[in-house]
Amino acid sequence: MAALAAAGEPVRALVRDPAKAALPAGAEDVEGDLNKPETFADALTGARGMFLLPGYDNIEGLQQRYVDAFFSFYVDRTLDEATVHPAVAEVAGRAPRTFRDWAEAHRTDFE
């Protein structure tokens, strides 16, 4: 992101809390949450690519098919649940966890 911004490319970052966002000079923050699609429609307008910054030290760029699927789902409102993709392991470098495990880990977020 910093390299793109430094090169003068338009960079937009979807952030949950702009006050906490530590973005490079030239990057624009847009408040939104991937768990609430209605909050980030404008952030996708005109986008040519996307990187997911999941809070890991080693930031992984998404492969084109996952970027395309993301835009298709949130922009075109399509969803293909019939095909199982190894996205979590490929992008995050760890095995996926169940929704139950995720909910337990985030229990206090909902209290």
PDB file of N, CA and C in Angstrom:
ATOM      1  N   MET A   1       0.822  -1.175   0.000  1.00  0.00           N
ATOM      2  CA  MET A   1       0.000   0.000   0.000  1.00  0.00           C
ATOM      3  C   MET A   1       0.873   1.248   0.000  1.00  0.00           C
ATOM      4  N   ALA A   2       1.894   1.256   0.826  1.00  0.00           N
ATOM      5  CA  ALA A   2       2.781   2.418   0.905  1.00  0.00           C
ATOM      6  C   ALA A   2       3.482   2.667  -0.426  1.00  0.00           C
ATOM      7  N   ALA A   3       3.905   1.587  -1.092  1.00  0.00           N
ATOM      8  CA  ALA A   3       4.594   1.727  -2.371  1.00  0.00           C
ATOM      9  C   ALA A   3       3.654   2.294  -3.430  1.00  0.00           C
ATOM     10  N   LEU A   4       2.421   1.847  -3.441  1.00  0.00           N
ATOM     11  CA  LEU A   4       1.457   2.376  -4.402  1.00  0.00           C
ATOM     12  C   LEU A   4       1.182   3.852  -4.149  1.00  0.00           C
ATOM     13  N   ALA A   5       0.956   4.207  -2.894  1.00  0.00           N
ATOM     14  CA  ALA A   5       0.693   5.604  -2.545  1.00  0.00           C
ATOM     15  C   ALA A   5       1.890   6.482  -2.880  1.00  0.00           C
ATOM     16  N   ALA A   6       3.091   5.994  -2.581  1.00  0.00           N
ATOM     17  CA  ALA A   6       4.307   6.762  -2.873  1.00  0.00           C
ATOM     18  C   ALA A   6       4.499   6.955  -4.368  1.00  0.00           C
ATOM     19  N   ALA A   7       4.002   6.014  -5.166  1.00  0.00           N
ATOM     20  CA  ALA A   7       4.125   6.114  -6.618  1.00  0.00           C
ATOM     21  C   ALA A   7       3.025   6.983  -7.226  1.00  0.00           C
ATOM     22  N   GLY A   8       2.174   7.522  -6.370  1.00  0.00           N
ATOM     23  CA  GLY A   8       1.116   8.405  -6.853  1.00  0.00           C
ATOM     24  C   GLY A   8      -0.144   7.692  -7.296  1.00  0.00           C
ATOM     25  N   GLU A   9      -0.204   6.379  -7.043  1.00  0.00           N
ATOM     26  CA  GLU A   9      -1.407   5.622  -7.394  1.00  0.00           C
ATOM     27  C   GLU A   9      -2.505   5.917  -6.367  1.00  0.00           C
ATOM     28  N   PRO A  10      -3.762   5.955  -6.794  1.00  0.00           N
ATOM     29  CA  PRO A  10      -4.842   6.164  -5.816  1.00  0.00           C
ATOM     30  C   PRO A  10      -4.983   4.931  -4.930  1.00  0.00           C
ATOM     31  N   VAL A  11      -4.941   5.151  -3.633  1.00  0.00           N
ATOM     32  CA  VAL A  11      -5.049   4.054  -2.663  1.00  0.00           C
ATOM     33  C   VAL A  11      -6.157   4.397  -1.684  1.00  0.00           C
ATOM     34  N   ARG A  12      -7.082   3.467  -1.535  1.00  0.00           N
ATOM     35  CA  ARG A  12      -8.192   3.626  -0.615  1.00  0.00           C
ATOM     36  C   ARG A  12      -8.159   2.454   0.345  1.00  0.00           C
ATOM     37  N   ALA A  13      -8.269   2.708   1.635  1.00  0.00           N
ATOM     38  CA  ALA A  13      -8.232   1.640   2.633  1.00  0.00           C
ATOM     39  C   ALA A  13      -9.548   1.625   3.409  1.00  0.00           C
ATOM     40  N   LEU A  14     -10.190   0.467   3.407  1.00  0.00           N
ATOM     41  CA  LEU A  14     -11.400   0.282   4.196  1.00  0.00           C
ATOM     42  C   LEU A  14     -10.970  -0.005   5.625  1.00  0.00           C
ATOM     43  N   VAL A  15     -11.369   0.847   6.557  1.00  0.00           N
ATOM     44  CA  VAL A  15     -10.953   0.706   7.956  1.00  0.00           C
ATOM     45  C   VAL A  15     -12.181   0.779   8.850  1.00  0.00           C
ATOM     46  N   ARG A  16     -12.128   0.046   9.943  1.00  0.00           N
ATOM     47  CA  ARG A  16     -13.246   0.089  10.887  1.00  0.00           C
ATOM     48  C   ARG A  16     -13.259   1.396  11.667  1.00  0.00           C
ATOM     49  N   ASP A  17     -12.083   1.900  12.011  1.00  0.00           N
ATOM     50  CA  ASP A  17     -11.982   3.117  12.814  1.00  0.00           C
ATOM     51  C   ASP A  17     -10.915   4.026  12.223  1.00  0.00           C
ATOM     52  N   PRO A  18     -11.310   5.054  11.450  1.00  0.00           N
ATOM     53  CA  PRO A  18     -10.329   5.943  10.836  1.00  0.00           C
ATOM     54  C   PRO A  18      -9.380   6.587  11.841  1.00  0.00           C
ATOM     55  N   ALA A  19      -9.828   6.806  13.074  1.00  0.00           N
ATOM     56  CA  ALA A  19      -8.967   7.424  14.088  1.00  0.00           C
ATOM     57  C   ALA A  19      -7.793   6.527  14.452  1.00  0.00           C
ATOM     58  N   LYS A  20      -7.953   5.217  14.278  1.00  0.00           N
ATOM     59  CA  LYS A  20      -6.890   4.274  14.617  1.00  0.00           C
ATOM     60  C   LYS A  20      -6.078   3.827  13.397  1.00  0.00           C
ATOM     61  N   ALA A  21      -6.505   4.249  12.214  1.00  0.00           N
ATOM     62  CA  ALA A  21      -5.840   3.801  10.988  1.00  0.00           C
ATOM     63  C   ALA A  21      -4.481   4.484  10.849  1.00  0.00           C
ATOM     64  N   ALA A  22      -3.462   3.692  10.635  1.00  0.00           N
ATOM     65  CA  ALA A  22      -2.102   4.209  10.413  1.00  0.00           C
ATOM     66  C   ALA A  22      -1.772   3.983   8.943  1.00  0.00           C
ATOM     67  N   LEU A  23      -2.237   4.890   8.103  1.00  0.00           N
ATOM     68  CA  LEU A  23      -2.067   4.745   6.668  1.00  0.00           C
ATOM     69  C   LEU A  23      -0.899   5.587   6.169  1.00  0.00           C
ATOM     70  N   PRO A  24      -0.287   5.163   5.083  1.00  0.00           N
ATOM     71  CA  PRO A  24       0.808   5.946   4.516  1.00  0.00           C
ATOM     72  C   PRO A  24       0.274   7.245   3.905  1.00  0.00           C
ATOM     73  N   ALA A  25       1.138   8.226   3.761  1.00  0.00           N
ATOM     74  CA  ALA A  25       0.762   9.499   3.145  1.00  0.00           C
ATOM     75  C   ALA A  25       0.192   9.228   1.764  1.00  0.00           C
ATOM     76  N   GLY A  26      -0.892   9.901   1.453  1.00  0.00           N
ATOM     77  CA  GLY A  26      -1.514   9.745   0.148  1.00  0.00           C
ATOM     78  C   GLY A  26      -2.616   8.710   0.100  1.00  0.00           C
ATOM     79  N   ALA A  27      -2.753   7.890   1.133  1.00  0.00           N
ATOM     80  CA  ALA A  27      -3.802   6.870   1.168  1.00  0.00           C
ATOM     81  C   ALA A  27      -5.055   7.465   1.800  1.00  0.00           C
ATOM     82  N   GLU A  28      -6.177   7.157   1.213  1.00  0.00           N
ATOM     83  CA  GLU A  28      -7.468   7.647   1.705  1.00  0.00           C
ATOM     84  C   GLU A  28      -8.116   6.575   2.571  1.00  0.00           C
ATOM     85  N   ASP A  29      -8.642   6.961   3.743  1.00  0.00           N
ATOM     86  CA  ASP A  29      -9.365   5.987   4.551  1.00  0.00           C
ATOM     87  C   ASP A  29     -10.861   6.113   4.294  1.00  0.00           C
ATOM     88  N   VAL A  30     -11.524   4.964   4.260  1.00  0.00           N
ATOM     89  CA  VAL A  30     -12.962   4.898   4.093  1.00  0.00           C
ATOM     90  C   VAL A  30     -13.475   4.006   5.214  1.00  0.00           C
ATOM     91  N   GLU A  31     -14.365   4.556   6.031  1.00  0.00           N
ATOM     92  CA  GLU A  31     -14.872   3.774   7.161  1.00  0.00           C
ATOM     93  C   GLU A  31     -15.849   2.718   6.690  1.00  0.00           C
ATOM     94  N   GLY A  32     -15.658   1.487   7.165  1.00  0.00           N
ATOM     95  CA  GLY A  32     -16.551   0.394   6.816  1.00  0.00           C
ATOM     96  C   GLY A  32     -16.131  -0.876   7.512  1.00  0.00           C
ATOM     97  N   ASP A  33     -16.916  -1.915   7.316  1.00  0.00           N
ATOM     98  CA  ASP A  33     -16.669  -3.192   7.977  1.00  0.00           C
ATOM     99  C   ASP A  33     -17.064  -4.304   7.016  1.00  0.00           C
ATOM    100  N   LEU A  34     -16.161  -5.250   6.757  1.00  0.00           N
ATOM    101  CA  LEU A  34     -16.464  -6.347   5.849  1.00  0.00           C
ATOM    102  C   LEU A  34     -17.629  -7.203   6.326  1.00  0.00           C
ATOM    103  N   ASN A  35     -17.936  -7.139   7.605  1.00  0.00           N
ATOM    104  CA  ASN A  35     -19.072  -7.880   8.133  1.00  0.00           C
ATOM    105  C   ASN A  35     -20.387  -7.142   7.902  1.00  0.00           C
ATOM    106  N   LYS A  36     -20.311  -5.893   7.403  1.00  0.00           N
ATOM    107  CA  LYS A  36     -21.499  -5.084   7.144  1.00  0.00           C
ATOM    108  C   LYS A  36     -21.371  -4.507   5.734  1.00  0.00           C
ATOM    109  N   PRO A  37     -21.726  -5.294   4.706  1.00  0.00           N
ATOM    110  CA  PRO A  37     -21.521  -4.868   3.317  1.00  0.00           C
ATOM    111  C   PRO A  37     -22.106  -3.507   2.974  1.00  0.00           C
ATOM    112  N   GLU A  38     -23.185  -3.128   3.634  1.00  0.00           N
ATOM    113  CA  GLU A  38     -23.801  -1.840   3.334  1.00  0.00           C
ATOM    114  C   GLU A  38     -22.889  -0.662   3.709  1.00  0.00           C
ATOM    115  N   THR A  39     -21.851  -0.906   4.498  1.00  0.00           N
ATOM    116  CA  THR A  39     -20.973   0.180   4.939  1.00  0.00           C
ATOM    117  C   THR A  39     -19.810   0.454   3.998  1.00  0.00           C
ATOM    118  N   PHE A  40     -19.617  -0.369   2.960  1.00  0.00           N
ATOM    119  CA  PHE A  40     -18.433  -0.146   2.154  1.00  0.00           C
ATOM    120  C   PHE A  40     -18.650  -0.154   0.641  1.00  0.00           C
ATOM    121  N   ALA A  41     -19.891   0.012   0.193  1.00  0.00           N
ATOM    122  CA  ALA A  41     -20.144   0.006  -1.254  1.00  0.00           C
ATOM    123  C   ALA A  41     -19.333   1.085  -1.961  1.00  0.00           C
ATOM    124  N   ASP A  42     -19.281   2.298  -1.404  1.00  0.00           N
ATOM    125  CA  ASP A  42     -18.536   3.390  -2.055  1.00  0.00           C
ATOM    126  C   ASP A  42     -17.050   3.114  -2.121  1.00  0.00           C
ATOM    127  N   ALA A  43     -16.532   2.362  -1.163  1.00  0.00           N
ATOM    128  CA  ALA A  43     -15.096   2.070  -1.148  1.00  0.00           C
ATOM    129  C   ALA A  43     -14.683   1.228  -2.349  1.00  0.00           C
ATOM    130  N   LEU A  44     -15.609   0.471  -2.912  1.00  0.00           N
ATOM    131  CA  LEU A  44     -15.290  -0.406  -4.037  1.00  0.00           C
ATOM    132  C   LEU A  44     -15.400   0.292  -5.387  1.00  0.00           C
ATOM    133  N   THR A  45     -16.047   1.441  -5.439  1.00  0.00           N
ATOM    134  CA  THR A  45     -16.253   2.129  -6.700  1.00  0.00           C
ATOM    135  C   THR A  45     -14.926   2.460  -7.372  1.00  0.00           C
ATOM    136  N   GLY A  46     -14.764   1.972  -8.583  1.00  0.00           N
ATOM    137  CA  GLY A  46     -13.563   2.253  -9.362  1.00  0.00           C
ATOM    138  C   GLY A  46     -12.330   1.457  -8.979  1.00  0.00           C
ATOM    139  N   ALA A  47     -12.464   0.541  -8.038  1.00  0.00           N
ATOM    140  CA  ALA A  47     -11.290  -0.228  -7.592  1.00  0.00           C
ATOM    141  C   ALA A  47     -10.815  -1.159  -8.700  1.00  0.00           C
ATOM    142  N   ARG A  48      -9.488  -1.268  -8.842  1.00  0.00           N
ATOM    143  CA  ARG A  48      -8.885  -2.164  -9.833  1.00  0.00           C
ATOM    144  C   ARG A  48      -8.247  -3.383  -9.173  1.00  0.00           C
ATOM    145  N   GLY A  49      -8.125  -3.375  -7.886  1.00  0.00           N
ATOM    146  CA  GLY A  49      -7.515  -4.484  -7.174  1.00  0.00           C
ATOM    147  C   GLY A  49      -7.789  -4.339  -5.697  1.00  0.00           C
ATOM    148  N   MET A  50      -7.404  -5.381  -4.961  1.00  0.00           N
ATOM    149  CA  MET A  50      -7.677  -5.370  -3.537  1.00  0.00           C
ATOM    150  C   MET A  50      -6.646  -6.228  -2.820  1.00  0.00           C
ATOM    151  N   PHE A  51      -6.272  -5.796  -1.648  1.00  0.00           N
ATOM    152  CA  PHE A  51      -5.429  -6.575  -0.762  1.00  0.00           C
ATOM    153  C   PHE A  51      -6.133  -6.662   0.568  1.00  0.00           C
ATOM    154  N   LEU A  52      -6.101  -7.816   1.172  1.00  0.00           N
ATOM    155  CA  LEU A  52      -6.704  -8.024   2.472  1.00  0.00           C
ATOM    156  C   LEU A  52      -5.612  -7.935   3.513  1.00  0.00           C
ATOM    157  N   LEU A  53      -5.772  -7.023   4.471  1.00  0.00           N
ATOM    158  CA  LEU A  53      -4.791  -6.843   5.533  1.00  0.00           C
ATOM    159  C   LEU A  53      -5.413  -7.357   6.823  1.00  0.00           C
ATOM    160  N   PRO A  54      -5.257  -8.643   7.095  1.00  0.00           N
ATOM    161  CA  PRO A  54      -5.967  -9.247   8.216  1.00  0.00           C
ATOM    162  C   PRO A  54      -5.316  -9.078   9.573  1.00  0.00           C
ATOM    163  N   GLY A  55      -4.358  -8.191   9.705  1.00  0.00           N
ATOM    164  CA  GLY A  55      -3.725  -8.003  10.994  1.00  0.00           C
ATOM    165  C   GLY A  55      -2.524  -8.887  11.215  1.00  0.00           C
ATOM    166  N   TYR A  56      -2.021  -9.511  10.166  1.00  0.00           N
ATOM    167  CA  TYR A  56      -0.837 -10.347  10.273  1.00  0.00           C
ATOM    168  C   TYR A  56       0.387  -9.527   9.899  1.00  0.00           C
ATOM    169  N   ASP A  57       1.549  -9.912  10.415  1.00  0.00           N
ATOM    170  CA  ASP A  57       2.782  -9.214  10.051  1.00  0.00           C
ATOM    171  C   ASP A  57       3.130  -9.434   8.589  1.00  0.00           C
ATOM    172  N   ASN A  58       2.857 -10.616   8.066  1.00  0.00           N
ATOM    173  CA  ASN A  58       3.141 -10.890   6.663  1.00  0.00           C
ATOM    174  C   ASN A  58       1.848 -10.726   5.868  1.00  0.00           C
ATOM    175  N   ILE A  59       1.754  -9.621   5.143  1.00  0.00           N
ATOM    176  CA  ILE A  59       0.546  -9.281   4.410  1.00  0.00           C
ATOM    177  C   ILE A  59       0.540 -10.054   3.095  1.00  0.00           C
ATOM    178  N   GLU A  60      -0.550 -10.735   2.851  1.00  0.00           N
ATOM    179  CA  GLU A  60      -0.678 -11.560   1.655  1.00  0.00           C
ATOM    180  C   GLU A  60      -1.609 -10.873   0.664  1.00  0.00           C
ATOM    181  N   GLY A  61      -1.202 -10.736  -0.597  1.00  0.00           N
ATOM    182  CA  GLY A  61      -2.092 -10.234  -1.634  1.00  0.00           C
ATOM    183  C   GLY A  61      -3.017 -11.351  -2.062  1.00  0.00           C
ATOM    184  N   LEU A  62      -4.256 -11.028  -2.279  1.00  0.00           N
ATOM    185  CA  LEU A  62      -5.202 -12.056  -2.692  1.00  0.00           C
ATOM    186  C   LEU A  62      -4.983 -12.428  -4.147  1.00  0.00           C
ATOM    187  N   GLN A  63      -5.169 -13.677  -4.465  1.00  0.00           N
ATOM    188  CA  GLN A  63      -5.083 -14.117  -5.845  1.00  0.00           C
ATOM    189  C   GLN A  63      -6.266 -13.545  -6.616  1.00  0.00           C
ATOM    190  N   GLN A  64      -6.067 -13.341  -7.900  1.00  0.00           N
ATOM    191  CA  GLN A  64      -7.077 -12.674  -8.723  1.00  0.00           C
ATOM    192  C   GLN A  64      -8.453 -13.320  -8.619  1.00  0.00           C
ATOM    193  N   ARG A  65      -8.520 -14.654  -8.556  1.00  0.00           N
ATOM    194  CA  ARG A  65      -9.848 -15.283  -8.517  1.00  0.00           C
ATOM    195  C   ARG A  65     -10.598 -14.932  -7.239  1.00  0.00           C
ATOM    196  N   TYR A  66      -9.881 -14.714  -6.126  1.00  0.00           N
ATOM    197  CA  TYR A  66     -10.548 -14.342  -4.888  1.00  0.00           C
ATOM    198  C   TYR A  66     -10.977 -12.876  -4.917  1.00  0.00           C
ATOM    199  N   VAL A  67     -10.168 -12.048  -5.543  1.00  0.00           N
ATOM    200  CA  VAL A  67     -10.551 -10.641  -5.713  1.00  0.00           C
ATOM    201  C   VAL A  67     -11.807 -10.573  -6.572  1.00  0.00           C
ATOM    202  N   ASP A  68     -11.807 -11.303  -7.693  1.00  0.00           N
ATOM    203  CA  ASP A  68     -12.975 -11.323  -8.575  1.00  0.00           C
ATOM    204  C   ASP A  68     -14.210 -11.831  -7.843  1.00  0.00           C
ATOM    205  N   ALA A  69     -14.045 -12.892  -7.039  1.00  0.00           N
ATOM    206  CA  ALA A  69     -15.172 -13.445  -6.293  1.00  0.00           C
ATOM    207  C   ALA A  69     -15.693 -12.435  -5.277  1.00  0.00           C
ATOM    208  N   PHE A  70     -14.786 -11.715  -4.622  1.00  0.00           N
ATOM    209  CA  PHE A  70     -15.185 -10.700  -3.640  1.00  0.00           C
ATOM    210  C   PHE A  70     -16.037  -9.622  -4.302  1.00  0.00           C
ATOM    211  N   PHE A  71     -15.539  -9.085  -5.429  1.00  0.00           N
ATOM    212  CA  PHE A  71     -16.289  -8.046  -6.128  1.00  0.00           C
ATOM    213  C   PHE A  71     -17.611  -8.598  -6.657  1.00  0.00           C
ATOM    214  N   SER A  72     -17.604  -9.812  -7.157  1.00  0.00           N
ATOM    215  CA  SER A  72     -18.819 -10.422  -7.669  1.00  0.00           C
ATOM    216  C   SER A  72     -19.860 -10.548  -6.561  1.00  0.00           C
ATOM    217  N   PHE A  73     -19.423 -10.994  -5.394  1.00  0.00           N
ATOM    218  CA  PHE A  73     -20.356 -11.169  -4.282  1.00  0.00           C
ATOM    219  C   PHE A  73     -20.910  -9.837  -3.790  1.00  0.00           C
ATOM    220  N   TYR A  74     -20.026  -8.870  -3.523  1.00  0.00           N
ATOM    221  CA  TYR A  74     -20.470  -7.621  -2.917  1.00  0.00           C
ATOM    222  C   TYR A  74     -20.978  -6.587  -3.912  1.00  0.00           C
ATOM    223  N   VAL A  75     -20.526  -6.632  -5.145  1.00  0.00           N
ATOM    224  CA  VAL A  75     -20.975  -5.656  -6.133  1.00  0.00           C
ATOM    225  C   VAL A  75     -22.118  -6.229  -6.966  1.00  0.00           C
ATOM    226  N   ASP A  76     -21.928  -7.435  -7.502  1.00  0.00           N
ATOM    227  CA  ASP A  76     -22.950  -8.057  -8.347  1.00  0.00           C
ATOM    228  C   ASP A  76     -23.985  -8.827  -7.540  1.00  0.00           C
ATOM    229  N   ARG A  77     -23.715  -8.984  -6.250  1.00  0.00           N
ATOM    230  CA  ARG A  77     -24.622  -9.688  -5.329  1.00  0.00           C
ATOM    231  C   ARG A  77     -24.822 -11.154  -5.716  1.00  0.00           C
ATOM    232  N   THR A  78     -23.757 -11.803  -6.145  1.00  0.00           N
ATOM    233  CA  THR A  78     -23.820 -13.226  -6.463  1.00  0.00           C
ATOM    234  C   THR A  78     -23.130 -14.003  -5.357  1.00  0.00           C
ATOM    235  N   LEU A  79     -23.430 -15.272  -5.283  1.00  0.00           N
ATOM    236  CA  LEU A  79     -22.789 -16.106  -4.276  1.00  0.00           C
ATOM    237  C   LEU A  79     -22.789 -17.548  -4.762  1.00  0.00           C
ATOM    238  N   ASP A  80     -21.629 -18.164  -4.772  1.00  0.00           N
ATOM    239  CA  ASP A  80     -21.500 -19.569  -5.152  1.00  0.00           C
ATOM    240  C   ASP A  80     -21.018 -20.333  -3.929  1.00  0.00           C
ATOM    241  N   GLU A  81     -21.940 -20.993  -3.264  1.00  0.00           N
ATOM    242  CA  GLU A  81     -21.578 -21.765  -2.082  1.00  0.00           C
ATOM    243  C   GLU A  81     -21.343 -23.232  -2.406  1.00  0.00           C
ATOM    244  N   ALA A  82     -21.439 -23.590  -3.690  1.00  0.00           N
ATOM    245  CA  ALA A  82     -21.278 -24.982  -4.077  1.00  0.00           C
ATOM    246  C   ALA A  82     -19.813 -25.393  -4.187  1.00  0.00           C
ATOM    247  N   THR A  83     -18.930 -24.431  -4.443  1.00  0.00           N
ATOM    248  CA  THR A  83     -17.521 -24.740  -4.628  1.00  0.00           C
ATOM    249  C   THR A  83     -16.746 -24.416  -3.363  1.00  0.00           C
ATOM    250  N   VAL A  84     -15.990 -25.376  -2.875  1.00  0.00           N
ATOM    251  CA  VAL A  84     -15.165 -25.161  -1.691  1.00  0.00           C
ATOM    252  C   VAL A  84     -13.774 -24.743  -2.159  1.00  0.00           C
ATOM    253  N   HIS A  85     -13.320 -23.592  -1.697  1.00  0.00           N
ATOM    254  CA  HIS A  85     -12.012 -23.064  -2.088  1.00  0.00           C
ATOM    255  C   HIS A  85     -11.060 -23.100  -0.880  1.00  0.00           C
ATOM    256  N   PRO A  86      -9.785 -23.321  -1.104  1.00  0.00           N
ATOM    257  CA  PRO A  86      -8.814 -23.348   0.000  1.00  0.00           C
ATOM    258  C   PRO A  86      -8.299 -21.955   0.356  1.00  0.00           C
ATOM    259  N   ALA A  87      -9.169 -20.953   0.276  1.00  0.00           N
ATOM    260  CA  ALA A  87      -8.746 -19.559   0.428  1.00  0.00           C
ATOM    261  C   ALA A  87      -8.103 -19.253   1.779  1.00  0.00           C
ATOM    262  N   VAL A  88      -8.681 -19.697   2.860  1.00  0.00           N
ATOM    263  CA  VAL A  88      -8.149 -19.348   4.178  1.00  0.00           C
ATOM    264  C   VAL A  88      -6.719 -19.834   4.330  1.00  0.00           C
ATOM    265  N   ALA A  89      -6.492 -21.077   4.019  1.00  0.00           N
ATOM    266  CA  ALA A  89      -5.139 -21.625   4.164  1.00  0.00           C
ATOM    267  C   ALA A  89      -4.157 -20.925   3.233  1.00  0.00           C
ATOM    268  N   GLU A  90      -4.578 -20.624   2.000  1.00  0.00           N
ATOM    269  CA  GLU A  90      -3.687 -19.970   1.041  1.00  0.00           C
ATOM    270  C   GLU A  90      -3.387 -18.527   1.430  1.00  0.00           C
ATOM    271  N   VAL A  91      -4.394 -17.798   1.884  1.00  0.00           N
ATOM    272  CA  VAL A  91      -4.224 -16.376   2.197  1.00  0.00           C
ATOM    273  C   VAL A  91      -3.642 -16.162   3.590  1.00  0.00           C
ATOM    274  N   ALA A  92      -4.195 -16.837   4.575  1.00  0.00           N
ATOM    275  CA  ALA A  92      -3.785 -16.601   5.962  1.00  0.00           C
ATOM    276  C   ALA A  92      -2.630 -17.488   6.404  1.00  0.00           C
ATOM    277  N   GLY A  93      -2.388 -18.566   5.665  1.00  0.00           N
ATOM    278  CA  GLY A  93      -1.302 -19.450   6.047  1.00  0.00           C
ATOM    279  C   GLY A  93      -1.618 -20.312   7.251  1.00  0.00           C
ATOM    280  N   ARG A  94      -2.899 -20.491   7.522  1.00  0.00           N
ATOM    281  CA  ARG A  94      -3.326 -21.342   8.636  1.00  0.00           C
ATOM    282  C   ARG A  94      -4.623 -22.022   8.241  1.00  0.00           C
ATOM    283  N   ALA A  95      -4.947 -23.084   8.940  1.00  0.00           N
ATOM    284  CA  ALA A  95      -6.175 -23.818   8.656  1.00  0.00           C
ATOM    285  C   ALA A  95      -7.396 -22.971   9.028  1.00  0.00           C
ATOM    286  N   PRO A  96      -8.496 -23.140   8.306  1.00  0.00           N
ATOM    287  CA  PRO A  96      -9.716 -22.408   8.667  1.00  0.00           C
ATOM    288  C   PRO A  96     -10.280 -22.937   9.975  1.00  0.00           C
ATOM    289  N   ARG A  97     -11.127 -22.135  10.600  1.00  0.00           N
ATOM    290  CA  ARG A  97     -11.783 -22.599  11.813  1.00  0.00           C
ATOM    291  C   ARG A  97     -13.285 -22.545  11.611  1.00  0.00           C
ATOM    292  N   THR A  98     -14.004 -23.235  12.445  1.00  0.00           N
ATOM    293  CA  THR A  98     -15.461 -23.279  12.313  1.00  0.00           C
ATOM    294  C   THR A  98     -16.055 -21.954  12.776  1.00  0.00           C
ATOM    295  N   PHE A  99     -17.306 -21.734  12.374  1.00  0.00           N
ATOM    296  CA  PHE A  99     -18.005 -20.543  12.840  1.00  0.00           C
ATOM    297  C   PHE A  99     -18.117 -20.551  14.359  1.00  0.00           C
ATOM    298  N   ARG A 100     -18.339 -21.729  14.930  1.00  0.00           N
ATOM    299  CA  ARG A 100     -18.428 -21.844  16.395  1.00  0.00           C
ATOM    300  C   ARG A 100     -17.131 -21.377  17.052  1.00  0.00           C
ATOM    301  N   ASP A 101     -15.990 -21.799  16.501  1.00  0.00           N
ATOM    302  CA  ASP A 101     -14.699 -21.375  17.053  1.00  0.00           C
ATOM    303  C   ASP A 101     -14.533 -19.866  16.939  1.00  0.00           C
ATOM    304  N   TRP A 102     -14.919 -19.313  15.776  1.00  0.00           N
ATOM    305  CA  TRP A 102     -14.817 -17.868  15.583  1.00  0.00           C
ATOM    306  C   TRP A 102     -15.719 -17.135  16.575  1.00  0.00           C
ATOM    307  N   ALA A 103     -16.957 -17.606  16.723  1.00  0.00           N
ATOM    308  CA  ALA A 103     -17.899 -16.956  17.632  1.00  0.00           C
ATOM    309  C   ALA A 103     -17.397 -16.997  19.072  1.00  0.00           C
ATOM    310  N   GLU A 104     -16.838 -18.126  19.477  1.00  0.00           N
ATOM    311  CA  GLU A 104     -16.284 -18.232  20.833  1.00  0.00           C
ATOM    312  C   GLU A 104     -15.130 -17.244  21.025  1.00  0.00           C
ATOM    313  N   ALA A 105     -14.277 -17.127  20.024  1.00  0.00           N
ATOM    314  CA  ALA A 105     -13.134 -16.216  20.125  1.00  0.00           C
ATOM    315  C   ALA A 105     -13.568 -14.762  20.175  1.00  0.00           C
ATOM    316  N   HIS A 106     -14.749 -14.444  19.622  1.00  0.00           N
ATOM    317  CA  HIS A 106     -15.229 -13.059  19.567  1.00  0.00           C
ATOM    318  C   HIS A 106     -16.442 -12.815  20.466  1.00  0.00           C
ATOM    319  N   ARG A 107     -16.671 -13.707  21.384  1.00  0.00           N
ATOM    320  CA  ARG A 107     -17.846 -13.608  22.265  1.00  0.00           C
ATOM    321  C   ARG A 107     -17.964 -12.245  22.922  1.00  0.00           C
ATOM    322  N   THR A 108     -16.863 -11.717  23.442  1.00  0.00           N
ATOM    323  CA  THR A 108     -16.928 -10.432  24.161  1.00  0.00           C
ATOM    324  C   THR A 108     -17.277  -9.273  23.230  1.00  0.00           C
ATOM    325  N   ASP A 109     -17.030  -9.426  21.922  1.00  0.00           N
ATOM    326  CA  ASP A 109     -17.377  -8.363  20.971  1.00  0.00           C
ATOM    327  C   ASP A 109     -18.885  -8.160  20.892  1.00  0.00           C
ATOM    328  N   PHE A 110     -19.654  -9.195  21.250  1.00  0.00           N
ATOM    329  CA  PHE A 110     -21.106  -9.137  21.120  1.00  0.00           C
ATOM    330  C   PHE A 110     -21.824  -8.942  22.443  1.00  0.00           C
ATOM    331  N   GLU A 111     -21.061  -8.844  23.523  1.00  0.00           N
ATOM    332  CA  GLU A 111     -21.692  -8.682  24.842  1.00  0.00           C
ATOM    333  C   GLU A 111     -21.933  -7.230  25.156  1.00  0.00           C
TER     334      GLU A 111
END
